[in-house]
C-alpha atoms as a PDB file:
ATOM      1  CA  MET A   1       0.000   0.000   0.000  1.00  0.00           C
ATOM      2  CA  SER A   2       1.470   3.329  -1.038  1.00  0.00           C
ATOM      3  CA  SER A   3       0.852   6.601   0.792  1.00  0.00           C
ATOM      4  CA  ASP A   4       3.047   8.611  -1.582  1.00  0.00           C
ATOM      5  CA  GLY A   5       1.492  12.034  -2.057  1.00  0.00           C
ATOM      6  CA  HIS A   6       1.840  12.087  -5.836  1.00  0.00           C
ATOM      7  CA  SER A   7       0.179   8.700  -6.268  1.00  0.00           C
ATOM      8  CA  LEU A   8      -2.684   9.768  -4.000  1.00  0.00           C
ATOM      9  CA  VAL A   9      -3.198  12.891  -6.089  1.00  0.00           C
ATOM     10  CA  ARG A  10      -3.034  10.956  -9.350  1.00  0.00           C
ATOM     11  CA  ASP A  11      -5.268   8.068  -8.276  1.00  0.00           C
ATOM     12  CA  HIS A  12      -7.587   9.456  -5.599  1.00  0.00           C
ATOM     13  CA  THR A  13      -8.393  13.079  -6.428  1.00  0.00           C
ATOM     14  CA  VAL A  14     -12.078  13.849  -5.871  1.00  0.00           C
ATOM     15  CA  TYR A  15     -12.032  17.554  -6.715  1.00  0.00           C
ATOM     16  CA  SER A  16      -9.697  19.861  -8.596  1.00  0.00           C
ATOM     17  CA  CYS A  17      -9.922  23.437  -9.758  1.00  0.00           C
ATOM     18  CA  VAL A  18      -7.934  26.385 -11.038  1.00  0.00           C
ATOM     19  CA  MET A  19      -7.167  29.118  -8.517  1.00  0.00           C
ATOM     20  CA  GLY A  20      -5.109  32.299  -8.408  1.00  0.00           C
ATOM     21  CA  SER A  21      -5.433  35.100 -10.924  1.00  0.00           C
ATOM     22  CA  ARG A  22      -7.316  32.967 -13.451  1.00  0.00           C
ATOM     23  CA  ALA A  23     -10.087  32.180 -10.970  1.00  0.00           C
ATOM     24  CA  PHE A  24     -10.147  35.748  -9.653  1.00  0.00           C
ATOM     25  CA  GLY A  25     -10.615  37.259 -13.116  1.00  0.00           C
ATOM     26  CA  LEU A  26      -7.208  38.947 -12.871  1.00  0.00           C
ATOM     27  CA  ALA A  27      -5.208  36.843 -15.321  1.00  0.00           C
ATOM     28  CA  THR A  28      -2.880  38.500 -17.815  1.00  0.00           C
ATOM     29  CA  ASP A  29      -0.714  36.984 -20.543  1.00  0.00           C
ATOM     30  CA  GLY A  30       2.010  35.951 -18.097  1.00  0.00           C
ATOM     31  CA  SER A  31      -0.222  34.486 -15.379  1.00  0.00           C
ATOM     32  CA  ASP A  32       0.481  31.001 -14.058  1.00  0.00           C
ATOM     33  CA  THR A  33      -2.191  28.325 -13.848  1.00  0.00           C
ATOM     34  CA  ASP A  34      -2.489  27.457 -10.167  1.00  0.00           C
ATOM     35  CA  LEU A  35      -4.065  24.040  -9.611  1.00  0.00           C
ATOM     36  CA  ARG A  36      -5.693  23.117  -6.299  1.00  0.00           C
ATOM     37  CA  GLY A  37      -7.389  19.884  -5.369  1.00  0.00           C
ATOM     38  CA  VAL A  38      -8.658  17.436  -2.778  1.00  0.00           C
ATOM     39  CA  PHE A  39      -7.769  13.749  -2.625  1.00  0.00           C
ATOM     40  CA  LEU A  40      -9.421  11.015  -0.583  1.00  0.00           C
ATOM     41  CA  ALA A  41      -6.802   8.754   0.976  1.00  0.00           C
ATOM     42  CA  PRO A  42      -8.129   5.156   1.148  1.00  0.00           C
ATOM     43  CA  THR A  43      -9.470   4.494   4.627  1.00  0.00           C
ATOM     44  CA  ALA A  44      -7.178   1.518   5.197  1.00  0.00           C
ATOM     45  CA  LEU A  45      -4.150   3.822   5.021  1.00  0.00           C
ATOM     46  CA  PHE A  46      -5.202   5.260   8.386  1.00  0.00           C
ATOM     47  CA  TRP A  47      -5.047   1.853  10.080  1.00  0.00           C
ATOM     48  CA  ARG A  48      -1.242   1.774  10.175  1.00  0.00           C
ATOM     49  CA  PHE A  49       1.171   3.778  12.317  1.00  0.00           C
ATOM     50  CA  GLY A  50       2.323   5.715   9.272  1.00  0.00           C
ATOM     51  CA  LYS A  51      -0.618   7.908   8.227  1.00  0.00           C
ATOM     52  CA  PRO A  52      -1.167   9.288   4.736  1.00  0.00           C
ATOM     53  CA  PRO A  53      -0.043  12.867   4.099  1.00  0.00           C
ATOM     54  CA  THR A  54      -2.427  15.708   4.890  1.00  0.00           C
ATOM     55  CA  HIS A  55      -1.383  17.532   1.714  1.00  0.00           C
ATOM     56  CA  ALA A  56       0.821  17.139  -1.333  1.00  0.00           C
ATOM     57  CA  GLU A  57       2.626  19.437  -3.738  1.00  0.00           C
ATOM     58  CA  GLY A  58       2.626  18.376  -7.396  1.00  0.00           C
ATOM     59  CA  PRO A  59       2.963  16.314  -9.412  1.00  0.00           C
ATOM     60  CA  ALA A  60       2.187  19.113 -11.896  1.00  0.00           C
ATOM     61  CA  PRO A  61       3.845  22.535 -11.571  1.00  0.00           C
ATOM     62  CA  GLU A  62       1.885  25.007  -9.418  1.00  0.00           C
ATOM     63  CA  GLN A  63      -0.271  22.149  -8.074  1.00  0.00           C
ATOM     64  CA  PHE A  64      -1.238  21.694  -4.427  1.00  0.00           C
ATOM     65  CA  SER A  65      -3.762  19.251  -2.925  1.00  0.00           C
ATOM     66  CA  TRP A  66      -5.207  18.529   0.502  1.00  0.00           C
ATOM     67  CA  GLU A  67      -6.455  15.231   1.901  1.00  0.00           C
ATOM     68  CA  LEU A  68     -10.218  15.466   2.359  1.00  0.00           C
ATOM     69  CA  GLU A  69     -10.237  15.541   6.164  1.00  0.00           C
ATOM     70  CA  ARG A  70      -7.553  18.237   6.329  1.00  0.00           C
ATOM     71  CA  PHE A  71      -9.398  20.268   3.704  1.00  0.00           C
ATOM     72  CA  CYS A  72     -12.670  20.074   5.650  1.00  0.00           C
ATOM     73  CA  ALA A  73     -10.972  20.979   8.932  1.00  0.00           C
ATOM     74  CA  LEU A  74      -9.378  24.073   7.385  1.00  0.00           C
ATOM     75  CA  ALA A  75     -12.627  25.081   5.697  1.00  0.00           C
ATOM     76  CA  LEU A  76     -14.521  24.772   8.985  1.00  0.00           C
ATOM     77  CA  ARG A  77     -11.992  27.223  10.456  1.00  0.00           C
ATOM     78  CA  ALA A  78     -12.729  29.596   7.539  1.00  0.00           C
ATOM     79  CA  ASN A  79      -9.252  29.358   6.033  1.00  0.00           C
ATOM     80  CA  PRO A  80      -9.418  31.864   3.141  1.00  0.00           C
ATOM     81  CA  ASN A  81      -7.391  29.805   0.655  1.00  0.00           C
ATOM     82  CA  VAL A  82      -9.449  26.667   1.231  1.00  0.00           C
ATOM     83  CA  LEU A  83     -12.832  28.404   1.138  1.00  0.00           C
ATOM     84  CA  GLU A  84     -11.891  30.155  -2.103  1.00  0.00           C
ATOM     85  CA  CYS A  85     -10.809  26.817  -3.606  1.00  0.00           C
ATOM     86  CA  LEU A  86     -14.269  25.427  -2.877  1.00  0.00           C
ATOM     87  CA  HIS A  87     -15.850  28.413  -4.629  1.00  0.00           C
ATOM     88  CA  SER A  88     -13.633  28.515  -7.711  1.00  0.00           C
ATOM     89  CA  PRO A  89     -15.591  29.139 -10.926  1.00  0.00           C
ATOM     90  CA  LEU A  90     -13.017  27.016 -12.795  1.00  0.00           C
ATOM     91  CA  VAL A  91     -13.678  23.413 -11.748  1.00  0.00           C
ATOM     92  CA  GLU A  92     -11.515  20.955 -13.658  1.00  0.00           C
ATOM     93  CA  TYR A  93     -12.734  17.684 -12.129  1.00  0.00           C
ATOM     94  CA  ALA A  94     -15.213  16.442  -9.547  1.00  0.00           C
ATOM     95  CA  ASP A  95     -16.397  12.886  -8.952  1.00  0.00           C
ATOM     96  CA  ASP A  96     -19.448  12.066  -6.817  1.00  0.00           C
ATOM     97  CA  THR A  97     -17.538  12.827  -3.608  1.00  0.00           C
ATOM     98  CA  GLY A  98     -16.164  16.052  -5.037  1.00  0.00           C
ATOM     99  CA  ARG A  99     -19.592  17.177  -6.164  1.00  0.00           C
ATOM    100  CA  GLU A 100     -21.046  16.503  -2.725  1.00  0.00           C
ATOM    101  CA  LEU A 101     -18.162  18.395  -1.129  1.00  0.00           C
ATOM    102  CA  ARG A 102     -18.848  21.370  -3.369  1.00  0.00           C
ATOM    103  CA  SER A 103     -22.568  21.174  -2.586  1.00  0.00           C
ATOM    104  CA  LEU A 104     -21.627  21.581   1.102  1.00  0.00           C
ATOM    105  CA  ARG A 105     -20.044  24.992   0.496  1.00  0.00           C
ATOM    106  CA  GLY A 106     -22.668  26.761   2.571  1.00  0.00           C
ATOM    107  CA  ALA A 107     -22.058  24.486   5.569  1.00  0.00           C
ATOM    108  CA  PHE A 108     -18.521  25.853   5.921  1.00  0.00           C
ATOM    109  CA  LEU A 109     -19.489  29.532   5.895  1.00  0.00           C
ATOM    110  CA  SER A 110     -19.995  31.437   9.130  1.00  0.00           C
ATOM    111  CA  ARG A 111     -19.203  34.720  10.802  1.00  0.00           C
ATOM    112  CA  GLN A 112     -15.896  33.166  11.840  1.00  0.00           C
ATOM    113  CA  ALA A 113     -14.721  34.267   8.407  1.00  0.00           C
ATOM    114  CA  HIS A 114     -14.487  37.799   9.786  1.00  0.00           C
ATOM    115  CA  GLU A 115     -11.748  36.867  12.242  1.00  0.00           C
ATOM    116  CA  THR A 116      -9.870  34.513   9.909  1.00  0.00           C
ATOM    117  CA  PHE A 117      -9.894  36.712   6.830  1.00  0.00           C
ATOM    118  CA  THR A 118      -9.014  39.778   8.911  1.00  0.00           C
ATOM    119  CA  ARG A 119      -6.111  38.019  10.624  1.00  0.00           C
ATOM    120  CA  TYR A 120      -4.778  36.766   7.299  1.00  0.00           C
ATOM    121  CA  ALA A 121      -5.156  40.213   5.711  1.00  0.00           C
ATOM    122  CA  LEU A 122      -3.347  41.857   8.626  1.00  0.00           C
ATOM    123  CA  GLY A 123      -0.411  39.486   8.202  1.00  0.00           C
ATOM    124  CA  GLN A 124      -0.226  40.267   4.493  1.00  0.00           C
ATOM    125  CA  ARG A 125      -0.430  43.999   5.149  1.00  0.00           C
ATOM    126  CA  ARG A 126       2.472  43.831   7.600  1.00  0.00           C
ATOM    127  CA  LYS A 127       4.588  42.163   4.921  1.00  0.00           C
ATOM    128  CA  LEU A 128       3.717  44.932   2.465  1.00  0.00           C
ATOM    129  CA  GLU A 129       4.586  47.589   5.028  1.00  0.00           C
ATOM    130  CA  ALA A 130       7.925  45.893   5.658  1.00  0.00           C
ATOM    131  CA  ASP A 131       8.641  45.993   1.921  1.00  0.00           C
ATOM    132  CA  VAL A 132       7.842  49.718   1.856  1.00  0.00           C
ATOM    133  CA  ARG A 133      10.231  50.359   4.762  1.00  0.00           C
ATOM    134  CA  THR A 134      12.981  48.241   3.238  1.00  0.00           C
ATOM    135  CA  HIS A 135      12.622  48.886  -0.483  1.00  0.00           C
ATOM    136  CA  GLY A 136      10.537  52.034  -0.691  1.00  0.00           C
ATOM    137  CA  ALA A 137       7.605  50.257  -2.347  1.00  0.00           C
ATOM    138  CA  PRO A 138       5.444  47.180  -1.775  1.00  0.00           C
ATOM    139  CA  ARG A 139       5.214  44.174  -4.040  1.00  0.00           C
ATOM    140  CA  TRP A 140       2.368  45.561  -6.092  1.00  0.00           C
ATOM    141  CA  LYS A 141       0.994  42.164  -7.106  1.00  0.00           C
ATOM    142  CA  HIS A 142       0.604  41.271  -3.431  1.00  0.00           C
ATOM    143  CA  ALA A 143      -1.032  44.631  -2.744  1.00  0.00           C
ATOM    144  CA  MET A 144      -3.545  43.935  -5.514  1.00  0.00           C
ATOM    145  CA  HIS A 145      -4.416  40.526  -4.095  1.00  0.00           C
ATOM    146  CA  LEU A 146      -4.807  41.933  -0.591  1.00  0.00           C
ATOM    147  CA  LEU A 147      -7.330  44.498  -1.830  1.00  0.00           C
ATOM    148  CA  ARG A 148      -9.147  41.695  -3.631  1.00  0.00           C
ATOM    149  CA  LEU A 149      -9.238  39.572  -0.470  1.00  0.00           C
ATOM    150  CA  LEU A 150     -10.532  42.468   1.655  1.00  0.00           C
ATOM    151  CA  THR A 151     -13.289  43.144  -0.870  1.00  0.00           C
ATOM    152  CA  SER A 152     -14.241  39.462  -0.994  1.00  0.00           C
ATOM    153  CA  SER A 153     -14.339  39.252   2.811  1.00  0.00           C
ATOM    154  CA  ARG A 154     -16.533  42.357   3.091  1.00  0.00           C
ATOM    155  CA  ASP A 155     -18.974  41.091   0.480  1.00  0.00           C
ATOM    156  CA  LEU A 156     -19.127  37.615   2.037  1.00  0.00           C
ATOM    157  CA  LEU A 157     -20.127  39.107   5.381  1.00  0.00           C
ATOM    158  CA  ARG A 158     -22.615  41.449   3.736  1.00  0.00           C
ATOM    159  CA  THR A 159     -24.343  38.882   1.549  1.00  0.00           C
ATOM    160  CA  GLY A 160     -23.520  35.447   2.964  1.00  0.00           C
ATOM    161  CA  VAL A 161     -22.092  34.466  -0.438  1.00  0.00           C
ATOM    162  CA  LEU A 162     -18.395  34.054  -1.241  1.00  0.00           C
ATOM    163  CA  THR A 163     -17.689  35.403  -4.725  1.00  0.00           C
ATOM    164  CA  ILE A 164     -14.076  35.345  -5.837  1.00  0.00           C
ATOM    165  CA  ASP A 165     -14.286  36.722  -9.386  1.00  0.00           C
ATOM    166  CA  VAL A 166     -13.532  40.450  -9.154  1.00  0.00           C
ATOM    167  CA  ALA A 167     -15.842  41.349 -12.081  1.00  0.00           C
ATOM    168  CA  ASP A 168     -15.853  45.123 -12.659  1.00  0.00           C
ATOM    169  CA  GLN A 169     -12.973  45.633 -10.204  1.00  0.00           C
ATOM    170  CA  ARG A 170     -10.533  43.974 -12.624  1.00  0.00           C
ATOM    171  CA  GLU A 171      -9.079  47.143 -14.138  1.00  0.00           C
ATOM    172  CA  PRO A 172      -8.750  49.120 -10.865  1.00  0.00           C
ATOM    173  CA  LEU A 173      -6.983  46.127  -9.303  1.00  0.00           C
ATOM    174  CA  LEU A 174      -4.682  45.587 -12.271  1.00  0.00           C
ATOM    175  CA  ALA A 175      -3.748  49.278 -12.070  1.00  0.00           C
ATOM    176  CA  VAL A 176      -2.501  48.556  -8.530  1.00  0.00           C
ATOM    177  CA  LYS A 177      -0.499  45.580  -9.796  1.00  0.00           C
ATOM    178  CA  ARG A 178       1.133  47.783 -12.449  1.00  0.00           C
ATOM    179  CA  GLY A 179       2.189  50.286  -9.772  1.00  0.00           C
ATOM    180  CA  GLU A 180      -0.073  53.014 -11.143  1.00  0.00           C
ATOM    181  CA  VAL A 181      -1.715  53.669  -7.755  1.00  0.00           C
ATOM    182  CA  SER A 182       0.243  55.297  -4.944  1.00  0.00           C
ATOM    183  CA  TRP A 183       0.952  53.339  -1.796  1.00  0.00           C
ATOM    184  CA  SER A 184      -0.879  55.994   0.247  1.00  0.00           C
ATOM    185  CA  GLU A 185      -3.987  55.458  -1.879  1.00  0.00           C
ATOM    186  CA  VAL A 186      -3.698  51.678  -1.535  1.00  0.00           C
ATOM    187  CA  GLU A 187      -3.432  52.115   2.249  1.00  0.00           C
ATOM    188  CA  ARG A 188      -6.505  54.349   2.229  1.00  0.00           C
ATOM    189  CA  ARG A 189      -8.483  51.670   0.369  1.00  0.00           C
ATOM    190  CA  MET A 190      -7.312  48.977   2.783  1.00  0.00           C
ATOM    191  CA  VAL A 191      -8.406  51.009   5.803  1.00  0.00           C
ATOM    192  CA  ARG A 192     -11.807  51.712   4.219  1.00  0.00           C
ATOM    193  CA  LEU A 193     -12.379  48.068   3.288  1.00  0.00           C
ATOM    194  CA  ALA A 194     -11.353  46.885   6.763  1.00  0.00           C
ATOM    195  CA  ALA A 195     -13.842  49.288   8.363  1.00  0.00           C
ATOM    196  CA  GLU A 196     -16.612  48.204   5.985  1.00  0.00           C
ATOM    197  CA  THR A 197     -15.819  44.570   6.792  1.00  0.00           C
ATOM    198  CA  ASP A 198     -16.179  45.234  10.520  1.00  0.00           C
ATOM    199  CA  GLU A 199     -19.534  46.926   9.902  1.00  0.00           C
ATOM    200  CA  ALA A 200     -20.711  44.034   7.725  1.00  0.00           C
ATOM    201  CA  ALA A 201     -19.762  41.485  10.380  1.00  0.00           C
ATOM    202  CA  ALA A 202     -22.101  43.069  12.898  1.00  0.00           C
ATOM    203  CA  LEU A 203     -25.102  42.620  10.589  1.00  0.00           C
ATOM    204  CA  SER A 204     -24.036  39.535   8.641  1.00  0.00           C
ATOM    205  CA  PRO A 205     -26.666  36.979   7.568  1.00  0.00           C
ATOM    206  CA  LEU A 206     -24.105  34.220   8.130  1.00  0.00           C
ATOM    207  CA  PRO A 207     -24.567  31.899  11.126  1.00  0.00           C
ATOM    208  CA  PRO A 208     -22.173  32.329  14.060  1.00  0.00           C
ATOM    209  CA  GLU A 209     -20.671  28.841  13.539  1.00  0.00           C
ATOM    210  CA  PRO A 210     -20.265  26.518  10.559  1.00  0.00           C
ATOM    211  CA  ASP A 211     -22.344  23.327  10.354  1.00  0.00           C
ATOM    212  CA  HIS A 212     -19.827  20.905  11.885  1.00  0.00           C
ATOM    213  CA  ALA A 213     -22.362  18.053  12.148  1.00  0.00           C
ATOM    214  CA  ARG A 214     -23.275  18.153   8.463  1.00  0.00           C
ATOM    215  CA  VAL A 215     -19.628  18.172   7.385  1.00  0.00           C
ATOM    216  CA  GLU A 216     -18.677  15.399   9.805  1.00  0.00           C
ATOM    217  CA  ASP A 217     -21.555  13.240   8.558  1.00  0.00           C
ATOM    218  CA  PHE A 218     -20.245  13.661   5.012  1.00  0.00           C
ATOM    219  CA  LEU A 219     -16.702  12.755   6.073  1.00  0.00           C
ATOM    220  CA  VAL A 220     -17.757   9.645   8.018  1.00  0.00           C
ATOM    221  CA  ARG A 221     -19.936   8.376   5.161  1.00  0.00           C
ATOM    222  CA  THR A 222     -17.120   8.952   2.699  1.00  0.00           C
ATOM    223  CA  ARG A 223     -14.558   7.136   4.852  1.00  0.00           C
ATOM    224  CA  ARG A 224     -16.962   4.218   5.367  1.00  0.00           C
ATOM    225  CA  ALA A 225     -17.627   3.916   1.635  1.00  0.00           C
ATOM    226  CA  SER A 226     -13.883   3.940   0.958  1.00  0.00           C
ATOM    227  CA  ALA A 227     -13.332   1.102   3.448  1.00  0.00           C
ATOM    228  CA  LEU A 228     -16.109  -0.976   1.868  1.00  0.00           C
ATOM    229  CA  ARG A 229     -14.724  -0.432  -1.632  1.00  0.00           C
ATOM    230  CA  ASP A 230     -11.211  -1.412  -0.605  1.00  0.00           C
ATOM    231  CA  PRO A 231     -11.369  -3.787   2.405  1.00  0.00           C
ATOM    232  CA  GLY A 232      -7.936  -5.210   1.627  1.00  0.00           C
ATOM    233  CA  GLY A 233      -6.265  -1.835   1.710  1.00  0.00           C
ATOM    234  CA  ASP A 234      -4.767  -1.749  -1.790  1.00  0.00           C
ATOM    235  CA  ALA A 235      -4.046   1.833  -2.812  1.00  0.00           C
END
């Protein structure tokens, strides 16, 4: 029985999508194609002392995958990267398990997203500020993506829906990436978006907690079905 990450991705992926600039509607001619996915490690792999990996890089360039349980745990904690993966408009593959996982998108959403997205955004902003102090300017691509994330977080809390395509904000955001917007203006936008996010959180239609029971039921059923399909443990 192999628990090699690449073989698990190749043979047991249940969901894969394109992320990054292409999913956000911010792709340009030089944009990479970032692949993200979820694999279901056969249940029998968990019966040994050596457990299967929780994630794997590759085998394709710019490809990263999570094992299903790890993916669900991160999504329940409102991890921005994982939630956005589940809402990508560019789905490349989904089997029955992957389709059910995607149908559970609403179960992962809660007002906890306010804290998680805000904490992540604050960390990214500190990195940009360090670049300004050290080099006199931020990494403009990162500044663009931080503005995108802040907008997405605000709108999620306002509407209860996570939309990752930037739509009519494409050109204003690309202007930031090209360095055509001053750092002081970018900071002003960040402060405004953060304040609007705080206001949205207070009135959000999202529930206070995600639906842990619904997600756990899905995970248990999926693990049980995997064990019944492969009682001998061949992976």
